[in-house]
Amino acid sequence: MLGDGPEVRPDVTAPQTVRLAMWIYGLPAALRSGGLGRFSKAMRGAEELLDWPGDPAPVKAQWPALAEIAGIALRGRIGLQAASTRDIEWNGPEELF
C-alpha cells in the first residue's frame, strides 16, 4: 500500500452487494421510501460480493452471524443495525447519574 509497487485496481465489472444485508436493511428502507422498483433493479443488476468461486464459506457464514446479531438485538431490545455494531462503537462516556 505504501510501497513503490504498481497500482492495484479492482477487477469489478458489475455492481456488487451483500444480498442478505440488502434484504434485511435495503428492502424495508425501499418499502418506506416507495423505492421498491429501484431496490428490485439494484438486486437484479448486482453480483453477490461474498460469492467466491470454490469457497462457499463466506456466503454460508452470514447465517450464523445473523443469528448471533439477532440474539444480541433480542437480549438488548435494540434493532439489528445497533446490535451489529454494539461491540465496536463508542458513543461517549456513560452517564453515571
PDB file of N, CA and C in Angstrom:
ATOM      1  N   MET A   1       0.815  -1.175   0.000  1.00  0.00           N
ATOM      2  CA  MET A   1       0.000   0.000   0.000  1.00  0.00           C
ATOM      3  C   MET A   1       0.871   1.256   0.000  1.00  0.00           C
ATOM      4  N   LEU A   2       1.923   1.256   0.745  1.00  0.00           N
ATOM      5  CA  LEU A   2       2.783   2.433   0.793  1.00  0.00           C
ATOM      6  C   LEU A   2       4.075   2.226   0.026  1.00  0.00           C
ATOM      7  N   GLY A   3       4.211   1.069  -0.605  1.00  0.00           N
ATOM      8  CA  GLY A   3       5.431   0.764  -1.334  1.00  0.00           C
ATOM      9  C   GLY A   3       5.465   1.404  -2.707  1.00  0.00           C
ATOM     10  N   ASP A   4       6.507   1.070  -3.445  1.00  0.00           N
ATOM     11  CA  ASP A   4       6.690   1.623  -4.781  1.00  0.00           C
ATOM     12  C   ASP A   4       6.191   0.689  -5.869  1.00  0.00           C
ATOM     13  N   GLY A   5       5.399  -0.303  -5.508  1.00  0.00           N
ATOM     14  CA  GLY A   5       4.901  -1.275  -6.480  1.00  0.00           C
ATOM     15  C   GLY A   5       3.854  -0.675  -7.400  1.00  0.00           C
ATOM     16  N   PRO A   6       3.418  -1.483  -8.358  1.00  0.00           N
ATOM     17  CA  PRO A   6       2.407  -0.997  -9.298  1.00  0.00           C
ATOM     18  C   PRO A   6       1.056  -0.807  -8.610  1.00  0.00           C
ATOM     19  N   GLU A   7       0.276   0.104  -9.150  1.00  0.00           N
ATOM     20  CA  GLU A   7      -1.060   0.356  -8.619  1.00  0.00           C
ATOM     21  C   GLU A   7      -1.942  -0.864  -8.863  1.00  0.00           C
ATOM     22  N   VAL A   8      -2.694  -1.244  -7.867  1.00  0.00           N
ATOM     23  CA  VAL A   8      -3.607  -2.374  -7.989  1.00  0.00           C
ATOM     24  C   VAL A   8      -5.007  -1.811  -8.140  1.00  0.00           C
ATOM     25  N   ARG A   9      -5.662  -2.165  -9.218  1.00  0.00           N
ATOM     26  CA  ARG A   9      -7.025  -1.679  -9.471  1.00  0.00           C
ATOM     27  C   ARG A   9      -7.999  -2.843  -9.299  1.00  0.00           C
ATOM     28  N   PRO A  10      -9.151  -2.570  -8.717  1.00  0.00           N
ATOM     29  CA  PRO A  10     -10.132  -3.647  -8.545  1.00  0.00           C
ATOM     30  C   PRO A  10     -10.650  -4.138  -9.890  1.00  0.00           C
ATOM     31  N   ASP A  11     -10.881  -5.422  -9.968  1.00  0.00           N
ATOM     32  CA  ASP A  11     -11.416  -6.034 -11.185  1.00  0.00           C
ATOM     33  C   ASP A  11     -12.918  -6.213 -10.994  1.00  0.00           C
ATOM     34  N   VAL A  12     -13.653  -5.117 -11.034  1.00  0.00           N
ATOM     35  CA  VAL A  12     -15.090  -5.152 -10.815  1.00  0.00           C
ATOM     36  C   VAL A  12     -15.770  -4.738 -12.112  1.00  0.00           C
ATOM     37  N   THR A  13     -16.571  -5.651 -12.648  1.00  0.00           N
ATOM     38  CA  THR A  13     -17.244  -5.362 -13.914  1.00  0.00           C
ATOM     39  C   THR A  13     -18.728  -5.076 -13.725  1.00  0.00           C
ATOM     40  N   ALA A  14     -19.245  -5.311 -12.534  1.00  0.00           N
ATOM     41  CA  ALA A  14     -20.666  -5.083 -12.270  1.00  0.00           C
ATOM     42  C   ALA A  14     -20.830  -4.622 -10.825  1.00  0.00           C
ATOM     43  N   PRO A  15     -21.930  -3.962 -10.521  1.00  0.00           N
ATOM     44  CA  PRO A  15     -22.183  -3.605  -9.114  1.00  0.00           C
ATOM     45  C   PRO A  15     -22.222  -4.861  -8.246  1.00  0.00           C
ATOM     46  N   GLN A  16     -21.767  -4.726  -7.022  1.00  0.00           N
ATOM     47  CA  GLN A  16     -21.748  -5.852  -6.094  1.00  0.00           C
ATOM     48  C   GLN A  16     -22.525  -5.487  -4.831  1.00  0.00           C
ATOM     49  N   THR A  17     -23.054  -6.503  -4.191  1.00  0.00           N
ATOM     50  CA  THR A  17     -23.814  -6.297  -2.965  1.00  0.00           C
ATOM     51  C   THR A  17     -23.731  -7.534  -2.085  1.00  0.00           C
ATOM     52  N   VAL A  18     -24.032  -7.357  -0.835  1.00  0.00           N
ATOM     53  CA  VAL A  18     -24.223  -8.474   0.082  1.00  0.00           C
ATOM     54  C   VAL A  18     -25.740  -8.660   0.152  1.00  0.00           C
ATOM     55  N   ARG A  19     -26.240  -9.655  -0.544  1.00  0.00           N
ATOM     56  CA  ARG A  19     -27.681  -9.811  -0.724  1.00  0.00           C
ATOM     57  C   ARG A  19     -28.462  -9.942   0.587  1.00  0.00           C
ATOM     58  N   LEU A  20     -27.941 -10.692   1.526  1.00  0.00           N
ATOM     59  CA  LEU A  20     -28.653 -10.856   2.792  1.00  0.00           C
ATOM     60  C   LEU A  20     -28.840  -9.502   3.467  1.00  0.00           C
ATOM     61  N   ALA A  21     -27.809  -8.686   3.477  1.00  0.00           N
ATOM     62  CA  ALA A  21     -27.918  -7.353   4.073  1.00  0.00           C
ATOM     63  C   ALA A  21     -28.924  -6.490   3.311  1.00  0.00           C
ATOM     64  N   MET A  22     -28.936  -6.632   2.004  1.00  0.00           N
ATOM     65  CA  MET A  22     -29.904  -5.862   1.215  1.00  0.00           C
ATOM     66  C   MET A  22     -31.336  -6.257   1.556  1.00  0.00           C
ATOM     67  N   TRP A  23     -31.586  -7.554   1.731  1.00  0.00           N
ATOM     68  CA  TRP A  23     -32.942  -7.992   2.079  1.00  0.00           C
ATOM     69  C   TRP A  23     -33.332  -7.497   3.463  1.00  0.00           C
ATOM     70  N   ILE A  24     -32.378  -7.511   4.405  1.00  0.00           N
ATOM     71  CA  ILE A  24     -32.682  -7.133   5.783  1.00  0.00           C
ATOM     72  C   ILE A  24     -32.802  -5.623   5.951  1.00  0.00           C
ATOM     73  N   TYR A  25     -31.890  -4.873   5.353  1.00  0.00           N
ATOM     74  CA  TYR A  25     -31.865  -3.421   5.544  1.00  0.00           C
ATOM     75  C   TYR A  25     -32.425  -2.656   4.346  1.00  0.00           C
ATOM     76  N   GLY A  26     -32.081  -3.086   3.147  1.00  0.00           N
ATOM     77  CA  GLY A  26     -32.480  -2.363   1.948  1.00  0.00           C
ATOM     78  C   GLY A  26     -33.951  -2.470   1.622  1.00  0.00           C
ATOM     79  N   LEU A  27     -34.521  -3.661   1.760  1.00  0.00           N
ATOM     80  CA  LEU A  27     -35.930  -3.841   1.429  1.00  0.00           C
ATOM     81  C   LEU A  27     -36.836  -3.001   2.324  1.00  0.00           C
ATOM     82  N   PRO A  28     -36.670  -3.044   3.644  1.00  0.00           N
ATOM     83  CA  PRO A  28     -37.536  -2.184   4.476  1.00  0.00           C
ATOM     84  C   PRO A  28     -37.378  -0.698   4.142  1.00  0.00           C
ATOM     85  N   ALA A  29     -36.154  -0.270   3.879  1.00  0.00           N
ATOM     86  CA  ALA A  29     -35.938   1.137   3.521  1.00  0.00           C
ATOM     87  C   ALA A  29     -36.632   1.466   2.199  1.00  0.00           C
ATOM     88  N   ALA A  30     -36.571   0.546   1.244  1.00  0.00           N
ATOM     89  CA  ALA A  30     -37.229   0.758  -0.049  1.00  0.00           C
ATOM     90  C   ALA A  30     -38.741   0.814   0.114  1.00  0.00           C
ATOM     91  N   LEU A  31     -39.275  -0.026   0.966  1.00  0.00           N
ATOM     92  CA  LEU A  31     -40.715  -0.019   1.196  1.00  0.00           C
ATOM     93  C   LEU A  31     -41.162   1.285   1.864  1.00  0.00           C
ATOM     94  N   ARG A  32     -40.368   1.767   2.818  1.00  0.00           N
ATOM     95  CA  ARG A  32     -40.709   3.025   3.500  1.00  0.00           C
ATOM     96  C   ARG A  32     -40.643   4.221   2.553  1.00  0.00           C
ATOM     97  N   SER A  33     -39.675   4.198   1.646  1.00  0.00           N
ATOM     98  CA  SER A  33     -39.466   5.374   0.788  1.00  0.00           C
ATOM     99  C   SER A  33     -40.189   5.286  -0.547  1.00  0.00           C
ATOM    100  N   GLY A  34     -40.839   4.164  -0.809  1.00  0.00           N
ATOM    101  CA  GLY A  34     -41.506   3.992  -2.095  1.00  0.00           C
ATOM    102  C   GLY A  34     -40.543   3.650  -3.217  1.00  0.00           C
ATOM    103  N   GLY A  35     -39.369   3.154  -2.877  1.00  0.00           N
ATOM    104  CA  GLY A  35     -38.352   2.847  -3.877  1.00  0.00           C
ATOM    105  C   GLY A  35     -38.227   1.376  -4.190  1.00  0.00           C
ATOM    106  N   LEU A  36     -39.343   0.642  -4.152  1.00  0.00           N
ATOM    107  CA  LEU A  36     -39.282  -0.796  -4.392  1.00  0.00           C
ATOM    108  C   LEU A  36     -38.769  -1.115  -5.798  1.00  0.00           C
ATOM    109  N   GLY A  37     -39.113  -0.308  -6.774  1.00  0.00           N
ATOM    110  CA  GLY A  37     -38.628  -0.523  -8.139  1.00  0.00           C
ATOM    111  C   GLY A  37     -37.120  -0.377  -8.229  1.00  0.00           C
ATOM    112  N   ARG A  38     -36.581   0.649  -7.585  1.00  0.00           N
ATOM    113  CA  ARG A  38     -35.124   0.844  -7.572  1.00  0.00           C
ATOM    114  C   ARG A  38     -34.434  -0.295  -6.845  1.00  0.00           C
ATOM    115  N   PHE A  39     -35.034  -0.731  -5.741  1.00  0.00           N
ATOM    116  CA  PHE A  39     -34.462  -1.850  -4.988  1.00  0.00           C
ATOM    117  C   PHE A  39     -34.412  -3.097  -5.860  1.00  0.00           C
ATOM    118  N   SER A  40     -35.506  -3.384  -6.517  1.00  0.00           N
ATOM    119  CA  SER A  40     -35.589  -4.568  -7.371  1.00  0.00           C
ATOM    120  C   SER A  40     -34.565  -4.504  -8.501  1.00  0.00           C
ATOM    121  N   LYS A  41     -34.441  -3.358  -9.120  1.00  0.00           N
ATOM    122  CA  LYS A  41     -33.472  -3.186 -10.207  1.00  0.00           C
ATOM    123  C   LYS A  41     -32.044  -3.363  -9.691  1.00  0.00           C
ATOM    124  N   ALA A  42     -31.757  -2.803  -8.526  1.00  0.00           N
ATOM    125  CA  ALA A  42     -30.425  -2.933  -7.931  1.00  0.00           C
ATOM    126  C   ALA A  42     -30.108  -4.387  -7.616  1.00  0.00           C
ATOM    127  N   MET A  43     -31.076  -5.109  -7.093  1.00  0.00           N
ATOM    128  CA  MET A  43     -30.855  -6.519  -6.755  1.00  0.00           C
ATOM    129  C   MET A  43     -30.614  -7.362  -8.017  1.00  0.00           C
ATOM    130  N   ARG A  44     -31.342  -7.067  -9.078  1.00  0.00           N
ATOM    131  CA  ARG A  44     -31.153  -7.818 -10.329  1.00  0.00           C
ATOM    132  C   ARG A  44     -29.808  -7.515 -10.978  1.00  0.00           C
ATOM    133  N   GLY A  45     -29.328  -6.286 -10.825  1.00  0.00           N
ATOM    134  CA  GLY A  45     -28.113  -5.883 -11.509  1.00  0.00           C
ATOM    135  C   GLY A  45     -26.829  -6.087 -10.740  1.00  0.00           C
ATOM    136  N   ALA A  46     -26.912  -6.570  -9.518  1.00  0.00           N
ATOM    137  CA  ALA A  46     -25.717  -6.689  -8.687  1.00  0.00           C
ATOM    138  C   ALA A  46     -25.301  -8.146  -8.500  1.00  0.00           C
ATOM    139  N   GLU A  47     -24.005  -8.332  -8.436  1.00  0.00           N
ATOM    140  CA  GLU A  47     -23.444  -9.650  -8.129  1.00  0.00           C
ATOM    141  C   GLU A  47     -23.277  -9.771  -6.617  1.00  0.00           C
ATOM    142  N   GLU A  48     -23.312 -10.996  -6.114  1.00  0.00           N
ATOM    143  CA  GLU A  48     -23.096 -11.241  -4.685  1.00  0.00           C
ATOM    144  C   GLU A  48     -21.612 -11.039  -4.374  1.00  0.00           C
ATOM    145  N   LEU A  49     -21.313 -10.094  -3.541  1.00  0.00           N
ATOM    146  CA  LEU A  49     -19.942  -9.769  -3.182  1.00  0.00           C
ATOM    147  C   LEU A  49     -19.221 -10.937  -2.508  1.00  0.00           C
ATOM    148  N   LEU A  50     -19.944 -11.704  -1.725  1.00  0.00           N
ATOM    149  CA  LEU A  50     -19.329 -12.778  -0.946  1.00  0.00           C
ATOM    150  C   LEU A  50     -19.230 -14.096  -1.691  1.00  0.00           C
ATOM    151  N   ASP A  51     -19.677 -14.144  -2.920  1.00  0.00           N
ATOM    152  CA  ASP A  51     -19.678 -15.385  -3.699  1.00  0.00           C
ATOM    153  C   ASP A  51     -18.335 -15.579  -4.389  1.00  0.00           C
ATOM    154  N   TRP A  52     -17.437 -16.283  -3.709  1.00  0.00           N
ATOM    155  CA  TRP A  52     -16.109 -16.550  -4.265  1.00  0.00           C
ATOM    156  C   TRP A  52     -16.096 -17.934  -4.888  1.00  0.00           C
ATOM    157  N   PRO A  53     -15.633 -18.056  -6.118  1.00  0.00           N
ATOM    158  CA  PRO A  53     -15.586 -19.375  -6.767  1.00  0.00           C
ATOM    159  C   PRO A  53     -14.772 -20.371  -5.932  1.00  0.00           C
ATOM    160  N   GLY A  54     -15.376 -21.510  -5.676  1.00  0.00           N
ATOM    161  CA  GLY A  54     -14.693 -22.561  -4.927  1.00  0.00           C
ATOM    162  C   GLY A  54     -14.673 -22.362  -3.426  1.00  0.00           C
ATOM    163  N   ASP A  55     -15.285 -21.314  -2.913  1.00  0.00           N
ATOM    164  CA  ASP A  55     -15.291 -21.071  -1.468  1.00  0.00           C
ATOM    165  C   ASP A  55     -16.677 -20.617  -1.021  1.00  0.00           C
ATOM    166  N   PRO A  56     -17.537 -21.572  -0.641  1.00  0.00           N
ATOM    167  CA  PRO A  56     -18.887 -21.214  -0.214  1.00  0.00           C
ATOM    168  C   PRO A  56     -18.954 -20.661   1.218  1.00  0.00           C
ATOM    169  N   ALA A  57     -17.845 -20.687   1.946  1.00  0.00           N
ATOM    170  CA  ALA A  57     -17.858 -20.300   3.356  1.00  0.00           C
ATOM    171  C   ALA A  57     -18.347 -18.872   3.603  1.00  0.00           C
ATOM    172  N   PRO A  58     -17.913 -17.856   2.850  1.00  0.00           N
ATOM    173  CA  PRO A  58     -18.381 -16.505   3.163  1.00  0.00           C
ATOM    174  C   PRO A  58     -19.905 -16.347   3.088  1.00  0.00           C
ATOM    175  N   VAL A  59     -20.533 -16.924   2.091  1.00  0.00           N
ATOM    176  CA  VAL A  59     -21.987 -16.814   1.969  1.00  0.00           C
ATOM    177  C   VAL A  59     -22.659 -17.572   3.106  1.00  0.00           C
ATOM    178  N   LYS A  60     -22.175 -18.765   3.398  1.00  0.00           N
ATOM    179  CA  LYS A  60     -22.767 -19.572   4.467  1.00  0.00           C
ATOM    180  C   LYS A  60     -22.565 -18.941   5.844  1.00  0.00           C
ATOM    181  N   ALA A  61     -21.456 -18.238   6.039  1.00  0.00           N
ATOM    182  CA  ALA A  61     -21.145 -17.655   7.348  1.00  0.00           C
ATOM    183  C   ALA A  61     -22.097 -16.523   7.720  1.00  0.00           C
ATOM    184  N   GLN A  62     -22.805 -15.971   6.748  1.00  0.00           N
ATOM    185  CA  GLN A  62     -23.741 -14.883   7.036  1.00  0.00           C
ATOM    186  C   GLN A  62     -24.848 -15.326   7.980  1.00  0.00           C
ATOM    187  N   TRP A  63     -25.311 -16.571   7.822  1.00  0.00           N
ATOM    188  CA  TRP A  63     -26.455 -17.042   8.617  1.00  0.00           C
ATOM    189  C   TRP A  63     -26.134 -17.172  10.097  1.00  0.00           C
ATOM    190  N   PRO A  64     -25.009 -17.804  10.485  1.00  0.00           N
ATOM    191  CA  PRO A  64     -24.677 -17.816  11.916  1.00  0.00           C
ATOM    192  C   PRO A  64     -24.407 -16.410  12.459  1.00  0.00           C
ATOM    193  N   ALA A  65     -23.812 -15.554  11.630  1.00  0.00           N
ATOM    194  CA  ALA A  65     -23.563 -14.176  12.069  1.00  0.00           C
ATOM    195  C   ALA A  65     -24.883 -13.451  12.302  1.00  0.00           C
ATOM    196  N   LEU A  66     -25.838 -13.634  11.397  1.00  0.00           N
ATOM    197  CA  LEU A  66     -27.149 -13.020  11.564  1.00  0.00           C
ATOM    198  C   LEU A  66     -27.841 -13.538  12.824  1.00  0.00           C
ATOM    199  N   ALA A  67     -27.727 -14.840  13.077  1.00  0.00           N
ATOM    200  CA  ALA A  67     -28.338 -15.415  14.278  1.00  0.00           C
ATOM    201  C   ALA A  67     -27.726 -14.811  15.541  1.00  0.00           C
ATOM    202  N   GLU A  68     -26.415 -14.629  15.543  1.00  0.00           N
ATOM    203  CA  GLU A  68     -25.754 -14.022  16.701  1.00  0.00           C
ATOM    204  C   GLU A  68     -26.212 -12.581  16.895  1.00  0.00           C
ATOM    205  N   ILE A  69     -26.267 -11.816  15.813  1.00  0.00           N
ATOM    206  CA  ILE A  69     -26.698 -10.424  15.900  1.00  0.00           C
ATOM    207  C   ILE A  69     -28.152 -10.338  16.343  1.00  0.00           C
ATOM    208  N   ALA A  70     -29.000 -11.230  15.825  1.00  0.00           N
ATOM    209  CA  ALA A  70     -30.407 -11.238  16.223  1.00  0.00           C
ATOM    210  C   ALA A  70     -30.546 -11.543  17.711  1.00  0.00           C
ATOM    211  N   GLY A  71     -29.729 -12.460  18.221  1.00  0.00           N
ATOM    212  CA  GLY A  71     -29.752 -12.768  19.650  1.00  0.00           C
ATOM    213  C   GLY A  71     -29.360 -11.567  20.488  1.00  0.00           C
ATOM    214  N   ILE A  72     -28.330 -10.850  20.067  1.00  0.00           N
ATOM    215  CA  ILE A  72     -27.906  -9.637  20.770  1.00  0.00           C
ATOM    216  C   ILE A  72     -29.028  -8.604  20.741  1.00  0.00           C
ATOM    217  N   ALA A  73     -29.669  -8.463  19.575  1.00  0.00           N
ATOM    218  CA  ALA A  73     -30.763  -7.494  19.436  1.00  0.00           C
ATOM    219  C   ALA A  73     -31.924  -7.838  20.360  1.00  0.00           C
ATOM    220  N   LEU A  74     -32.287  -9.100  20.412  1.00  0.00           N
ATOM    221  CA  LEU A  74     -33.403  -9.516  21.264  1.00  0.00           C
ATOM    222  C   LEU A  74     -33.078  -9.322  22.737  1.00  0.00           C
ATOM    223  N   ARG A  75     -31.880  -9.753  23.145  1.00  0.00           N
ATOM    224  CA  ARG A  75     -31.490  -9.609  24.547  1.00  0.00           C
ATOM    225  C   ARG A  75     -31.379  -8.145  24.957  1.00  0.00           C
ATOM    226  N   GLY A  76     -30.863  -7.317  24.059  1.00  0.00           N
ATOM    227  CA  GLY A  76     -30.674  -5.908  24.375  1.00  0.00           C
ATOM    228  C   GLY A  76     -31.859  -5.032  24.021  1.00  0.00           C
ATOM    229  N   ARG A  77     -32.888  -5.647  23.421  1.00  0.00           N
ATOM    230  CA  ARG A  77     -34.078  -4.901  22.991  1.00  0.00           C
ATOM    231  C   ARG A  77     -33.696  -3.705  22.112  1.00  0.00           C
ATOM    232  N   ILE A  78     -32.832  -4.010  21.126  1.00  0.00           N
ATOM    233  CA  ILE A  78     -32.372  -2.999  20.179  1.00  0.00           C
ATOM    234  C   ILE A  78     -32.547  -3.546  18.771  1.00  0.00           C
ATOM    235  N   GLY A  79     -32.377  -2.708  17.783  1.00  0.00           N
ATOM    236  CA  GLY A  79     -32.514  -3.131  16.398  1.00  0.00           C
ATOM    237  C   GLY A  79     -31.303  -3.916  15.914  1.00  0.00           C
ATOM    238  N   LEU A  80     -31.469  -4.578  14.784  1.00  0.00           N
ATOM    239  CA  LEU A  80     -30.372  -5.360  14.210  1.00  0.00           C
ATOM    240  C   LEU A  80     -29.162  -4.496  13.900  1.00  0.00           C
ATOM    241  N   GLN A  81     -29.384  -3.317  13.347  1.00  0.00           N
ATOM    242  CA  GLN A  81     -28.257  -2.466  12.985  1.00  0.00           C
ATOM    243  C   GLN A  81     -27.468  -2.059  14.223  1.00  0.00           C
ATOM    244  N   ALA A  82     -28.148  -1.662  15.281  1.00  0.00           N
ATOM    245  CA  ALA A  82     -27.465  -1.298  16.519  1.00  0.00           C
ATOM    246  C   ALA A  82     -26.740  -2.502  17.111  1.00  0.00           C
ATOM    247  N   ALA A  83     -27.358  -3.659  17.037  1.00  0.00           N
ATOM    248  CA  ALA A  83     -26.732  -4.870  17.571  1.00  0.00           C
ATOM    249  C   ALA A  83     -25.487  -5.254  16.784  1.00  0.00           C
ATOM    250  N   SER A  84     -25.482  -4.969  15.493  1.00  0.00           N
ATOM    251  CA  SER A  84     -24.350  -5.374  14.658  1.00  0.00           C
ATOM    252  C   SER A  84     -23.101  -4.545  14.929  1.00  0.00           C
ATOM    253  N   THR A  85     -23.246  -3.382  15.550  1.00  0.00           N
ATOM    254  CA  THR A  85     -22.078  -2.544  15.833  1.00  0.00           C
ATOM    255  C   THR A  85     -21.883  -2.295  17.324  1.00  0.00           C
ATOM    256  N   ARG A  86     -22.699  -2.932  18.133  1.00  0.00           N
ATOM    257  CA  ARG A  86     -22.660  -2.661  19.576  1.00  0.00           C
ATOM    258  C   ARG A  86     -21.280  -2.913  20.190  1.00  0.00           C
ATOM    259  N   ASP A  87     -20.579  -3.918  19.711  1.00  0.00           N
ATOM    260  CA  ASP A  87     -19.290  -4.265  20.298  1.00  0.00           C
ATOM    261  C   ASP A  87     -18.128  -3.431  19.766  1.00  0.00           C
ATOM    262  N   ILE A  88     -18.351  -2.606  18.752  1.00  0.00           N
ATOM    263  CA  ILE A  88     -17.251  -1.842  18.172  1.00  0.00           C
ATOM    264  C   ILE A  88     -17.471  -0.340  18.193  1.00  0.00           C
ATOM    265  N   GLU A  89     -18.633   0.113  18.618  1.00  0.00           N
ATOM    266  CA  GLU A  89     -18.877   1.558  18.611  1.00  0.00           C
ATOM    267  C   GLU A  89     -18.696   2.149  19.998  1.00  0.00           C
ATOM    268  N   TRP A  90     -18.418   3.416  20.022  1.00  0.00           N
ATOM    269  CA  TRP A  90     -18.298   4.145  21.277  1.00  0.00           C
ATOM    270  C   TRP A  90     -19.056   5.436  21.109  1.00  0.00           C
ATOM    271  N   ASN A  91     -20.023   5.672  21.960  1.00  0.00           N
ATOM    272  CA  ASN A  91     -20.872   6.852  21.879  1.00  0.00           C
ATOM    273  C   ASN A  91     -20.593   7.834  23.001  1.00  0.00           C
ATOM    274  N   GLY A  92     -19.399   7.820  23.510  1.00  0.00           N
ATOM    275  CA  GLY A  92     -19.039   8.721  24.594  1.00  0.00           C
ATOM    276  C   GLY A  92     -19.172   8.031  25.936  1.00  0.00           C
ATOM    277  N   PRO A  93     -18.710   8.691  26.968  1.00  0.00           N
ATOM    278  CA  PRO A  93     -18.767   8.069  28.298  1.00  0.00           C
ATOM    279  C   PRO A  93     -20.207   7.892  28.760  1.00  0.00           C
ATOM    280  N   GLU A  94     -20.418   6.822  29.495  1.00  0.00           N
ATOM    281  CA  GLU A  94     -21.746   6.581  30.039  1.00  0.00           C
ATOM    282  C   GLU A  94     -22.000   7.557  31.183  1.00  0.00           C
ATOM    283  N   GLU A  95     -23.229   7.974  31.286  1.00  0.00           N
ATOM    284  CA  GLU A  95     -23.606   8.857  32.386  1.00  0.00           C
ATOM    285  C   GLU A  95     -23.633   8.041  33.672  1.00  0.00           C
ATOM    286  N   LEU A  96     -23.066   8.562  34.704  1.00  0.00           N
ATOM    287  CA  LEU A  96     -23.006   7.849  35.986  1.00  0.00           C
ATOM    288  C   LEU A  96     -24.077   8.338  36.955  1.00  0.00           C
ATOM    289  N   PHE A  97     -24.996   9.129  36.515  1.00  0.00           N
ATOM    290  CA  PHE A  97     -26.028   9.677  37.395  1.00  0.00           C
ATOM    291  C   PHE A  97     -27.207   8.792  37.467  1.00  0.00           C
TER     292      PHE A  97
END
